[in-house]
Amino acid sequence: MKQTGVVILAAGLGERFGHDKRLASIGPQAEPMLLATIRSVRASGMPFVVVLRPGDHLWQQELDGMEVDWVASPEAHLGMGHSLAAGVHATQHWDGWLIALADMPFIQPATYQRVAEALNQHKIVRPVLQRSGDPLNGHPVGFSRSYAWALIQCQGDEGARRLLADNPQDVYLLPLGDEGIVQDIDRPEDC
């Protein structure tokens, strides 16, 4: 049976936010944003790894205490692509990867499962929010094993956008009703 896991990218500096946005309070329990994202991914039942930046001791200790796998991306300061590459490299034994962003804590656990299921038939799965007007592209984006090498080569701040743009024939748009797939937190008022 294929094993697909989630790579949570949490190595950014959150410069637009003004401080470490992974600590931003989310929901009625005022849970730190990164922990809310982890809780949702964990509830999906899928394996996952969190990508941090080097020297991120507070989060490394917190995740160790929660028995959460993490990896430090030595080149995280060069952009999201480097973090993505580090996460996929650390999980090369997986057959597929869902790339999740730490600042998207509202994605439902079932959404991770649906993207992973679609990845059994498609090389790349892009969730799309269906609502009136144009559909909106969302996260997490799923990649099959055939893209492992390309993901490990990602660099800069573009993440995997280039892979999506260069391989439209491999992208399956998965219609979903989960508003969380398009809700990211860039500013304090987004919480």
N, C-alpha and C. Protein backbone atom coordinates (compact mmCIF):
# COMPACT_ATOMS: atom_id res chain seq x y z
N MET A 1 0.84 -1.20 0.00
CA MET A 1 0.00 0.00 0.00
C MET A 1 0.88 1.26 0.00
N LYS A 2 0.49 2.24 -0.79
CA LYS A 2 1.27 3.46 -0.91
C LYS A 2 1.17 4.29 0.37
N GLN A 3 2.30 4.92 0.73
CA GLN A 3 2.30 5.80 1.89
C GLN A 3 2.54 7.22 1.42
N THR A 4 1.54 8.04 1.63
CA THR A 4 1.64 9.46 1.33
C THR A 4 1.66 10.20 2.65
N GLY A 5 2.54 11.21 2.74
CA GLY A 5 2.64 11.99 3.97
C GLY A 5 2.57 13.47 3.68
N VAL A 6 2.55 14.24 4.75
CA VAL A 6 2.41 15.70 4.66
C VAL A 6 3.71 16.36 5.12
N VAL A 7 4.21 17.27 4.30
CA VAL A 7 5.37 18.09 4.66
C VAL A 7 4.82 19.47 5.03
N ILE A 8 4.95 19.84 6.31
CA ILE A 8 4.48 21.15 6.77
C ILE A 8 5.65 22.12 6.74
N LEU A 9 5.55 23.12 5.89
CA LEU A 9 6.62 24.12 5.76
C LEU A 9 6.44 25.19 6.83
N ALA A 10 7.37 25.22 7.79
CA ALA A 10 7.27 26.14 8.93
C ALA A 10 8.60 26.82 9.21
N ALA A 11 9.39 27.06 8.17
CA ALA A 11 10.72 27.63 8.36
C ALA A 11 10.80 29.10 7.98
N GLY A 12 9.68 29.69 7.57
CA GLY A 12 9.70 31.09 7.16
C GLY A 12 9.84 32.03 8.34
N LEU A 13 10.21 33.26 8.04
CA LEU A 13 10.41 34.26 9.08
C LEU A 13 9.14 35.05 9.40
N GLY A 14 8.13 34.97 8.55
CA GLY A 14 6.89 35.72 8.80
C GLY A 14 7.11 37.22 8.84
N GLU A 15 7.95 37.73 7.95
CA GLU A 15 8.32 39.14 7.98
C GLU A 15 7.13 40.08 7.79
N ARG A 16 6.18 39.69 6.94
CA ARG A 16 5.00 40.54 6.73
C ARG A 16 4.13 40.60 7.98
N PHE A 17 4.22 39.57 8.81
CA PHE A 17 3.40 39.47 10.01
C PHE A 17 3.92 40.38 11.12
N GLY A 18 5.22 40.62 11.15
CA GLY A 18 5.80 41.49 12.16
C GLY A 18 6.54 40.76 13.26
N HIS A 19 6.23 39.48 13.49
CA HIS A 19 6.93 38.64 14.47
C HIS A 19 6.68 37.19 14.08
N ASP A 20 7.13 36.25 14.89
CA ASP A 20 7.00 34.83 14.58
C ASP A 20 5.51 34.46 14.51
N LYS A 21 4.99 34.42 13.29
CA LYS A 21 3.54 34.18 13.16
C LYS A 21 3.14 32.76 13.53
N ARG A 22 4.10 31.87 13.65
CA ARG A 22 3.76 30.51 14.08
C ARG A 22 3.18 30.52 15.49
N LEU A 23 3.43 31.61 16.24
CA LEU A 23 2.90 31.76 17.59
C LEU A 23 1.56 32.49 17.62
N ALA A 24 1.09 32.99 16.48
CA ALA A 24 -0.18 33.74 16.44
C ALA A 24 -1.32 32.89 16.98
N SER A 25 -2.19 33.49 17.77
CA SER A 25 -3.31 32.78 18.40
C SER A 25 -4.42 32.52 17.40
N ILE A 26 -4.85 31.26 17.34
CA ILE A 26 -5.88 30.84 16.39
C ILE A 26 -7.05 30.24 17.15
N GLY A 27 -8.25 30.61 16.75
CA GLY A 27 -9.46 29.97 17.27
C GLY A 27 -9.80 30.33 18.70
N PRO A 28 -10.88 29.75 19.20
CA PRO A 28 -11.37 30.09 20.54
C PRO A 28 -10.41 29.68 21.66
N GLN A 29 -9.56 28.68 21.40
CA GLN A 29 -8.61 28.26 22.43
C GLN A 29 -7.29 29.03 22.36
N ALA A 30 -7.21 29.99 21.44
CA ALA A 30 -5.99 30.79 21.27
C ALA A 30 -4.76 29.89 21.12
N GLU A 31 -4.89 28.88 20.29
CA GLU A 31 -3.82 27.93 20.04
C GLU A 31 -2.79 28.54 19.09
N PRO A 32 -1.49 28.36 19.33
CA PRO A 32 -0.50 28.87 18.38
C PRO A 32 -0.75 28.29 16.97
N MET A 33 -0.60 29.12 15.97
CA MET A 33 -0.94 28.75 14.60
C MET A 33 -0.28 27.44 14.16
N LEU A 34 1.02 27.28 14.41
CA LEU A 34 1.70 26.06 13.97
C LEU A 34 1.08 24.84 14.63
N LEU A 35 0.74 24.93 15.91
CA LEU A 35 0.13 23.80 16.59
C LEU A 35 -1.26 23.50 16.06
N ALA A 36 -2.01 24.53 15.66
CA ALA A 36 -3.33 24.31 15.06
C ALA A 36 -3.19 23.57 13.73
N THR A 37 -2.18 23.94 12.95
CA THR A 37 -1.94 23.26 11.67
C THR A 37 -1.54 21.81 11.92
N ILE A 38 -0.65 21.59 12.87
CA ILE A 38 -0.22 20.23 13.21
C ILE A 38 -1.40 19.40 13.69
N ARG A 39 -2.26 19.99 14.52
CA ARG A 39 -3.42 19.25 15.04
C ARG A 39 -4.31 18.77 13.91
N SER A 40 -4.55 19.63 12.92
CA SER A 40 -5.39 19.27 11.79
C SER A 40 -4.76 18.15 10.96
N VAL A 41 -3.46 18.27 10.69
CA VAL A 41 -2.76 17.24 9.91
C VAL A 41 -2.74 15.93 10.69
N ARG A 42 -2.46 15.99 11.97
CA ARG A 42 -2.41 14.77 12.80
C ARG A 42 -3.77 14.08 12.81
N ALA A 43 -4.85 14.86 12.85
CA ALA A 43 -6.20 14.29 12.86
C ALA A 43 -6.53 13.57 11.55
N SER A 44 -5.78 13.86 10.49
CA SER A 44 -6.00 13.17 9.21
C SER A 44 -5.52 11.72 9.27
N GLY A 45 -4.67 11.42 10.25
CA GLY A 45 -4.12 10.07 10.38
C GLY A 45 -2.93 9.81 9.48
N MET A 46 -2.50 10.83 8.74
CA MET A 46 -1.38 10.66 7.82
C MET A 46 -0.05 10.95 8.52
N PRO A 47 1.04 10.31 8.07
CA PRO A 47 2.35 10.68 8.61
C PRO A 47 2.70 12.10 8.16
N PHE A 48 3.51 12.77 8.96
CA PHE A 48 3.89 14.13 8.57
C PHE A 48 5.23 14.50 9.19
N VAL A 49 5.85 15.52 8.60
CA VAL A 49 7.09 16.07 9.12
C VAL A 49 6.97 17.59 9.03
N VAL A 50 7.54 18.28 10.03
CA VAL A 50 7.54 19.74 10.05
C VAL A 50 8.93 20.21 9.69
N VAL A 51 9.02 21.15 8.76
CA VAL A 51 10.32 21.71 8.37
C VAL A 51 10.51 23.04 9.10
N LEU A 52 11.59 23.10 9.89
CA LEU A 52 11.94 24.29 10.66
C LEU A 52 13.23 24.89 10.12
N ARG A 53 13.59 26.05 10.62
CA ARG A 53 14.88 26.62 10.25
C ARG A 53 15.92 26.20 11.30
N PRO A 54 17.19 26.23 10.96
CA PRO A 54 18.24 25.87 11.92
C PRO A 54 18.19 26.81 13.13
N GLY A 55 18.50 26.27 14.30
CA GLY A 55 18.53 27.10 15.50
C GLY A 55 17.16 27.45 16.05
N ASP A 56 16.12 26.80 15.56
CA ASP A 56 14.75 27.06 15.97
C ASP A 56 14.45 26.24 17.24
N HIS A 57 15.24 26.46 18.28
CA HIS A 57 15.24 25.60 19.46
C HIS A 57 13.89 25.54 20.17
N LEU A 58 13.19 26.65 20.27
CA LEU A 58 11.89 26.65 20.94
C LEU A 58 10.95 25.64 20.28
N TRP A 59 10.85 25.70 18.95
CA TRP A 59 9.95 24.80 18.24
C TRP A 59 10.48 23.38 18.21
N GLN A 60 11.78 23.22 18.10
CA GLN A 60 12.35 21.87 18.11
C GLN A 60 12.01 21.16 19.41
N GLN A 61 12.15 21.85 20.54
CA GLN A 61 11.83 21.26 21.84
C GLN A 61 10.33 20.99 21.96
N GLU A 62 9.53 21.92 21.51
CA GLU A 62 8.07 21.75 21.57
C GLU A 62 7.64 20.52 20.77
N LEU A 63 8.16 20.40 19.56
CA LEU A 63 7.77 19.27 18.71
C LEU A 63 8.32 17.95 19.24
N ASP A 64 9.53 17.97 19.80
CA ASP A 64 10.07 16.76 20.42
C ASP A 64 9.15 16.30 21.55
N GLY A 65 8.68 17.25 22.35
CA GLY A 65 7.79 16.92 23.46
C GLY A 65 6.45 16.36 23.00
N MET A 66 6.05 16.70 21.79
CA MET A 66 4.79 16.20 21.22
C MET A 66 5.01 14.95 20.37
N GLU A 67 6.27 14.50 20.31
CA GLU A 67 6.65 13.37 19.47
C GLU A 67 6.27 13.60 18.00
N VAL A 68 6.60 14.80 17.54
CA VAL A 68 6.36 15.19 16.15
C VAL A 68 7.70 15.19 15.43
N ASP A 69 7.76 14.53 14.27
CA ASP A 69 8.98 14.52 13.47
C ASP A 69 9.21 15.90 12.86
N TRP A 70 10.45 16.34 12.89
CA TRP A 70 10.80 17.62 12.27
C TRP A 70 12.19 17.48 11.65
N VAL A 71 12.47 18.38 10.75
CA VAL A 71 13.78 18.46 10.11
C VAL A 71 14.12 19.94 9.97
N ALA A 72 15.38 20.27 10.16
CA ALA A 72 15.83 21.65 9.97
C ALA A 72 16.37 21.79 8.55
N SER A 73 15.92 22.83 7.87
CA SER A 73 16.40 23.11 6.52
C SER A 73 17.56 24.09 6.60
N PRO A 74 18.80 23.64 6.33
CA PRO A 74 19.95 24.52 6.49
C PRO A 74 19.91 25.75 5.59
N GLU A 75 19.17 25.69 4.49
CA GLU A 75 19.12 26.82 3.57
C GLU A 75 17.74 27.48 3.56
N ALA A 76 17.00 27.35 4.67
CA ALA A 76 15.65 27.92 4.75
C ALA A 76 15.65 29.42 4.47
N HIS A 77 16.71 30.11 4.86
CA HIS A 77 16.78 31.56 4.66
C HIS A 77 16.79 31.94 3.17
N LEU A 78 17.05 30.97 2.29
CA LEU A 78 17.08 31.24 0.86
C LEU A 78 15.71 31.10 0.19
N GLY A 79 14.72 30.65 0.95
CA GLY A 79 13.37 30.58 0.39
C GLY A 79 12.67 29.26 0.62
N MET A 80 11.36 29.29 0.39
CA MET A 80 10.49 28.14 0.62
C MET A 80 10.91 26.90 -0.16
N GLY A 81 11.43 27.08 -1.36
CA GLY A 81 11.84 25.93 -2.16
C GLY A 81 12.87 25.07 -1.46
N HIS A 82 13.79 25.71 -0.75
CA HIS A 82 14.82 24.98 -0.01
C HIS A 82 14.21 24.17 1.13
N SER A 83 13.21 24.76 1.81
CA SER A 83 12.53 24.05 2.89
C SER A 83 11.75 22.85 2.36
N LEU A 84 11.07 23.06 1.25
CA LEU A 84 10.31 21.98 0.62
C LEU A 84 11.26 20.83 0.25
N ALA A 85 12.39 21.18 -0.36
CA ALA A 85 13.38 20.16 -0.76
C ALA A 85 13.87 19.38 0.45
N ALA A 86 14.14 20.07 1.56
CA ALA A 86 14.63 19.41 2.77
C ALA A 86 13.58 18.44 3.33
N GLY A 87 12.31 18.86 3.31
CA GLY A 87 11.25 18.00 3.81
C GLY A 87 11.06 16.74 2.98
N VAL A 88 11.10 16.87 1.67
CA VAL A 88 10.94 15.71 0.79
C VAL A 88 12.18 14.82 0.90
N HIS A 89 13.35 15.42 0.95
CA HIS A 89 14.58 14.63 1.08
C HIS A 89 14.55 13.78 2.35
N ALA A 90 14.03 14.35 3.44
CA ALA A 90 13.99 13.63 4.72
C ALA A 90 12.95 12.51 4.73
N THR A 91 12.05 12.51 3.76
CA THR A 91 10.95 11.53 3.73
C THR A 91 10.94 10.77 2.40
N GLN A 92 12.11 10.48 1.87
CA GLN A 92 12.20 9.84 0.57
C GLN A 92 11.54 8.47 0.53
N HIS A 93 11.29 7.87 1.68
CA HIS A 93 10.65 6.56 1.73
C HIS A 93 9.14 6.65 1.44
N TRP A 94 8.58 7.84 1.44
CA TRP A 94 7.16 8.01 1.12
C TRP A 94 6.95 7.84 -0.38
N ASP A 95 5.71 7.55 -0.77
CA ASP A 95 5.35 7.42 -2.18
C ASP A 95 4.71 8.69 -2.74
N GLY A 96 4.34 9.60 -1.85
CA GLY A 96 3.73 10.85 -2.27
C GLY A 96 3.81 11.86 -1.15
N TRP A 97 3.72 13.14 -1.53
CA TRP A 97 3.87 14.24 -0.57
C TRP A 97 2.77 15.26 -0.76
N LEU A 98 2.15 15.67 0.34
CA LEU A 98 1.25 16.80 0.35
C LEU A 98 2.03 17.95 0.96
N ILE A 99 2.15 19.04 0.22
CA ILE A 99 2.92 20.18 0.69
C ILE A 99 1.95 21.15 1.37
N ALA A 100 2.11 21.28 2.68
CA ALA A 100 1.22 22.13 3.48
C ALA A 100 2.01 23.31 4.02
N LEU A 101 1.32 24.41 4.21
CA LEU A 101 1.94 25.62 4.74
C LEU A 101 1.52 25.81 6.18
N ALA A 102 2.48 26.11 7.04
CA ALA A 102 2.19 26.28 8.47
C ALA A 102 1.16 27.38 8.72
N ASP A 103 1.07 28.35 7.81
CA ASP A 103 0.15 29.46 8.03
C ASP A 103 -1.24 29.21 7.42
N MET A 104 -1.58 27.93 7.24
CA MET A 104 -2.92 27.57 6.75
C MET A 104 -3.56 26.56 7.72
N PRO A 105 -3.89 27.03 8.95
CA PRO A 105 -4.37 26.12 9.99
C PRO A 105 -5.83 25.70 9.87
N PHE A 106 -6.56 26.26 8.91
CA PHE A 106 -8.00 26.00 8.83
C PHE A 106 -8.38 24.86 7.89
N ILE A 107 -7.39 24.24 7.27
CA ILE A 107 -7.66 23.10 6.38
C ILE A 107 -8.18 21.94 7.22
N GLN A 108 -9.27 21.33 6.78
CA GLN A 108 -9.89 20.22 7.50
C GLN A 108 -9.10 18.92 7.32
N PRO A 109 -9.05 18.07 8.34
CA PRO A 109 -8.34 16.80 8.23
C PRO A 109 -8.80 15.97 7.03
N ALA A 110 -10.09 15.97 6.73
CA ALA A 110 -10.61 15.19 5.60
C ALA A 110 -10.05 15.69 4.27
N THR A 111 -9.69 16.95 4.21
CA THR A 111 -9.12 17.50 2.97
C THR A 111 -7.77 16.85 2.68
N TYR A 112 -6.95 16.70 3.70
CA TYR A 112 -5.66 16.02 3.50
C TYR A 112 -5.89 14.61 2.97
N GLN A 113 -6.86 13.92 3.54
CA GLN A 113 -7.17 12.55 3.12
C GLN A 113 -7.65 12.52 1.67
N ARG A 114 -8.50 13.46 1.29
CA ARG A 114 -9.04 13.48 -0.08
C ARG A 114 -7.96 13.76 -1.11
N VAL A 115 -7.04 14.68 -0.79
CA VAL A 115 -5.93 14.97 -1.71
C VAL A 115 -5.05 13.73 -1.84
N ALA A 116 -4.76 13.06 -0.73
CA ALA A 116 -3.93 11.85 -0.76
C ALA A 116 -4.60 10.75 -1.58
N GLU A 117 -5.92 10.58 -1.43
CA GLU A 117 -6.64 9.56 -2.20
C GLU A 117 -6.57 9.85 -3.69
N ALA A 118 -6.73 11.13 -4.07
CA ALA A 118 -6.67 11.50 -5.48
C ALA A 118 -5.27 11.27 -6.04
N LEU A 119 -4.27 11.36 -5.18
CA LEU A 119 -2.88 11.17 -5.61
C LEU A 119 -2.61 9.72 -6.01
N ASN A 120 -3.49 8.81 -5.62
CA ASN A 120 -3.34 7.41 -6.06
C ASN A 120 -3.58 7.26 -7.56
N GLN A 121 -4.32 8.20 -8.16
CA GLN A 121 -4.62 8.13 -9.59
C GLN A 121 -3.95 9.23 -10.42
N HIS A 122 -3.35 10.22 -9.76
CA HIS A 122 -2.82 11.37 -10.49
C HIS A 122 -1.40 11.68 -10.00
N LYS A 123 -0.62 12.33 -10.88
CA LYS A 123 0.76 12.67 -10.53
C LYS A 123 0.84 13.90 -9.63
N ILE A 124 -0.02 14.88 -9.90
CA ILE A 124 -0.08 16.10 -9.09
C ILE A 124 -1.56 16.38 -8.82
N VAL A 125 -1.89 16.71 -7.57
CA VAL A 125 -3.26 17.04 -7.21
C VAL A 125 -3.29 18.43 -6.61
N ARG A 126 -4.10 19.30 -7.21
CA ARG A 126 -4.25 20.67 -6.73
C ARG A 126 -5.68 20.87 -6.26
N PRO A 127 -5.93 21.08 -4.96
CA PRO A 127 -7.29 21.33 -4.52
C PRO A 127 -7.78 22.69 -5.02
N VAL A 128 -9.05 22.71 -5.37
CA VAL A 128 -9.66 23.93 -5.90
C VAL A 128 -10.95 24.18 -5.13
N LEU A 129 -11.11 25.39 -4.62
CA LEU A 129 -12.33 25.74 -3.90
C LEU A 129 -13.43 26.07 -4.90
N GLN A 130 -14.52 25.32 -4.82
CA GLN A 130 -15.66 25.52 -5.69
C GLN A 130 -16.64 26.47 -5.00
N ARG A 131 -16.86 27.61 -5.57
CA ARG A 131 -17.88 28.54 -5.10
C ARG A 131 -18.25 29.44 -6.26
N SER A 132 -19.22 30.28 -6.06
CA SER A 132 -19.66 31.12 -7.18
C SER A 132 -18.50 31.95 -7.70
N GLY A 133 -18.48 32.13 -8.99
CA GLY A 133 -17.36 32.82 -9.61
C GLY A 133 -16.29 31.82 -10.00
N ASP A 134 -15.10 32.32 -10.21
CA ASP A 134 -14.00 31.45 -10.61
C ASP A 134 -13.53 30.58 -9.45
N PRO A 135 -13.17 29.32 -9.73
CA PRO A 135 -12.62 28.48 -8.67
C PRO A 135 -11.26 29.02 -8.23
N LEU A 136 -10.93 28.82 -6.95
CA LEU A 136 -9.67 29.31 -6.40
C LEU A 136 -8.74 28.14 -6.10
N ASN A 137 -7.49 28.24 -6.58
CA ASN A 137 -6.49 27.21 -6.28
C ASN A 137 -6.12 27.26 -4.81
N GLY A 138 -5.95 26.08 -4.20
CA GLY A 138 -5.65 26.03 -2.78
C GLY A 138 -4.52 25.09 -2.45
N HIS A 139 -4.43 24.77 -1.17
CA HIS A 139 -3.41 23.88 -0.61
C HIS A 139 -4.10 22.85 0.28
N PRO A 140 -3.47 21.74 0.54
CA PRO A 140 -2.12 21.33 0.16
C PRO A 140 -2.09 20.74 -1.24
N VAL A 141 -0.99 20.96 -1.93
CA VAL A 141 -0.81 20.37 -3.25
C VAL A 141 -0.10 19.03 -3.07
N GLY A 142 -0.60 18.00 -3.76
CA GLY A 142 -0.03 16.66 -3.65
C GLY A 142 0.84 16.32 -4.85
N PHE A 143 1.95 15.63 -4.59
CA PHE A 143 2.86 15.19 -5.64
C PHE A 143 3.15 13.71 -5.46
N SER A 144 3.13 12.97 -6.55
CA SER A 144 3.43 11.54 -6.52
C SER A 144 4.94 11.32 -6.52
N ARG A 145 5.32 10.07 -6.33
CA ARG A 145 6.73 9.69 -6.31
C ARG A 145 7.46 10.11 -7.58
N SER A 146 6.77 10.15 -8.72
CA SER A 146 7.43 10.52 -9.97
C SER A 146 8.00 11.94 -9.93
N TYR A 147 7.57 12.74 -8.95
CA TYR A 147 8.08 14.11 -8.81
C TYR A 147 9.08 14.26 -7.66
N ALA A 148 9.48 13.15 -7.04
CA ALA A 148 10.39 13.23 -5.89
C ALA A 148 11.67 13.99 -6.22
N TRP A 149 12.33 13.61 -7.31
CA TRP A 149 13.59 14.25 -7.66
C TRP A 149 13.40 15.74 -7.93
N ALA A 150 12.34 16.09 -8.64
CA ALA A 150 12.08 17.50 -8.94
C ALA A 150 11.81 18.29 -7.65
N LEU A 151 11.11 17.69 -6.70
CA LEU A 151 10.82 18.38 -5.44
C LEU A 151 12.11 18.60 -4.64
N ILE A 152 12.99 17.61 -4.66
CA ILE A 152 14.26 17.73 -3.93
C ILE A 152 15.15 18.80 -4.56
N GLN A 153 14.91 19.13 -5.82
CA GLN A 153 15.70 20.16 -6.51
C GLN A 153 15.13 21.57 -6.34
N CYS A 154 13.98 21.71 -5.69
CA CYS A 154 13.36 23.04 -5.55
C CYS A 154 14.29 23.98 -4.79
N GLN A 155 14.27 25.25 -5.21
CA GLN A 155 15.09 26.28 -4.59
C GLN A 155 14.32 27.59 -4.58
N GLY A 156 14.90 28.57 -3.92
CA GLY A 156 14.34 29.92 -3.93
C GLY A 156 13.00 30.02 -3.23
N ASP A 157 12.30 31.10 -3.52
CA ASP A 157 11.05 31.39 -2.82
C ASP A 157 9.82 30.93 -3.59
N GLU A 158 10.05 30.24 -4.69
CA GLU A 158 8.94 29.84 -5.54
C GLU A 158 8.25 28.55 -5.08
N GLY A 159 8.90 27.79 -4.23
CA GLY A 159 8.33 26.51 -3.82
C GLY A 159 8.21 25.58 -5.02
N ALA A 160 7.03 24.98 -5.17
CA ALA A 160 6.81 24.05 -6.28
C ALA A 160 5.98 24.67 -7.40
N ARG A 161 5.79 25.98 -7.37
CA ARG A 161 4.98 26.65 -8.41
C ARG A 161 5.46 26.36 -9.82
N ARG A 162 6.77 26.31 -9.99
CA ARG A 162 7.34 26.06 -11.32
C ARG A 162 6.94 24.67 -11.81
N LEU A 163 6.92 23.68 -10.92
CA LEU A 163 6.52 22.32 -11.32
C LEU A 163 5.08 22.31 -11.81
N LEU A 164 4.22 23.06 -11.15
CA LEU A 164 2.82 23.13 -11.58
C LEU A 164 2.71 23.82 -12.94
N ALA A 165 3.44 24.91 -13.10
CA ALA A 165 3.37 25.67 -14.36
C ALA A 165 3.97 24.89 -15.53
N ASP A 166 5.03 24.15 -15.28
CA ASP A 166 5.72 23.42 -16.36
C ASP A 166 5.08 22.09 -16.72
N ASN A 167 4.17 21.59 -15.88
CA ASN A 167 3.58 20.26 -16.10
C ASN A 167 2.06 20.27 -15.99
N PRO A 168 1.39 21.17 -16.72
CA PRO A 168 -0.07 21.26 -16.58
C PRO A 168 -0.79 19.96 -16.93
N GLN A 169 -0.19 19.15 -17.80
CA GLN A 169 -0.81 17.89 -18.20
C GLN A 169 -0.89 16.89 -17.04
N ASP A 170 -0.06 17.07 -16.01
CA ASP A 170 -0.04 16.16 -14.87
C ASP A 170 -0.88 16.65 -13.69
N VAL A 171 -1.41 17.87 -13.80
CA VAL A 171 -2.13 18.47 -12.67
C VAL A 171 -3.62 18.14 -12.73
N TYR A 172 -4.10 17.48 -11.69
CA TYR A 172 -5.53 17.20 -11.54
C TYR A 172 -6.10 18.20 -10.54
N LEU A 173 -7.13 18.92 -10.96
CA LEU A 173 -7.78 19.90 -10.09
C LEU A 173 -8.90 19.19 -9.33
N LEU A 174 -8.75 19.11 -8.02
CA LEU A 174 -9.69 18.41 -7.15
C LEU A 174 -10.66 19.40 -6.55
N PRO A 175 -11.93 19.37 -6.96
CA PRO A 175 -12.90 20.32 -6.40
C PRO A 175 -13.25 19.98 -4.95
N LEU A 176 -13.15 20.97 -4.08
CA LEU A 176 -13.46 20.79 -2.67
C LEU A 176 -14.28 21.97 -2.15
N GLY A 177 -14.98 21.75 -1.06
CA GLY A 177 -15.77 22.82 -0.45
C GLY A 177 -15.14 23.38 0.81
N ASP A 178 -13.92 22.97 1.14
CA ASP A 178 -13.24 23.39 2.36
C ASP A 178 -12.62 24.78 2.17
N GLU A 179 -13.22 25.79 2.79
CA GLU A 179 -12.71 27.17 2.67
C GLU A 179 -11.27 27.30 3.20
N GLY A 180 -10.88 26.39 4.09
CA GLY A 180 -9.54 26.45 4.67
C GLY A 180 -8.42 26.31 3.65
N ILE A 181 -8.71 25.72 2.48
CA ILE A 181 -7.65 25.52 1.48
C ILE A 181 -7.16 26.82 0.85
N VAL A 182 -7.90 27.92 1.08
CA VAL A 182 -7.49 29.22 0.53
C VAL A 182 -7.28 30.28 1.61
N GLN A 183 -7.36 29.87 2.89
CA GLN A 183 -7.23 30.84 3.99
C GLN A 183 -5.84 30.75 4.61
N ASP A 184 -4.97 31.67 4.21
CA ASP A 184 -3.66 31.72 4.84
C ASP A 184 -3.59 32.95 5.73
N ILE A 185 -2.64 32.95 6.62
CA ILE A 185 -2.50 34.03 7.59
C ILE A 185 -1.22 34.78 7.27
N ASP A 186 -1.39 35.97 6.73
CA ASP A 186 -0.23 36.80 6.40
C ASP A 186 -0.07 37.98 7.35
N ARG A 187 -1.21 38.43 7.92
CA ARG A 187 -1.20 39.61 8.80
C ARG A 187 -1.98 39.27 10.08
N PRO A 188 -1.72 39.95 11.18
CA PRO A 188 -2.43 39.66 12.43
C PRO A 188 -3.97 39.68 12.28
N GLU A 189 -4.48 40.54 11.42
CA GLU A 189 -5.95 40.60 11.26
C GLU A 189 -6.52 39.37 10.54
N ASP A 190 -5.67 38.52 9.96
CA ASP A 190 -6.14 37.30 9.32
C ASP A 190 -6.47 36.19 10.32
N CYS A 191 -6.03 36.35 11.57
CA CYS A 191 -6.26 35.32 12.60
C CYS A 191 -7.70 35.28 12.91
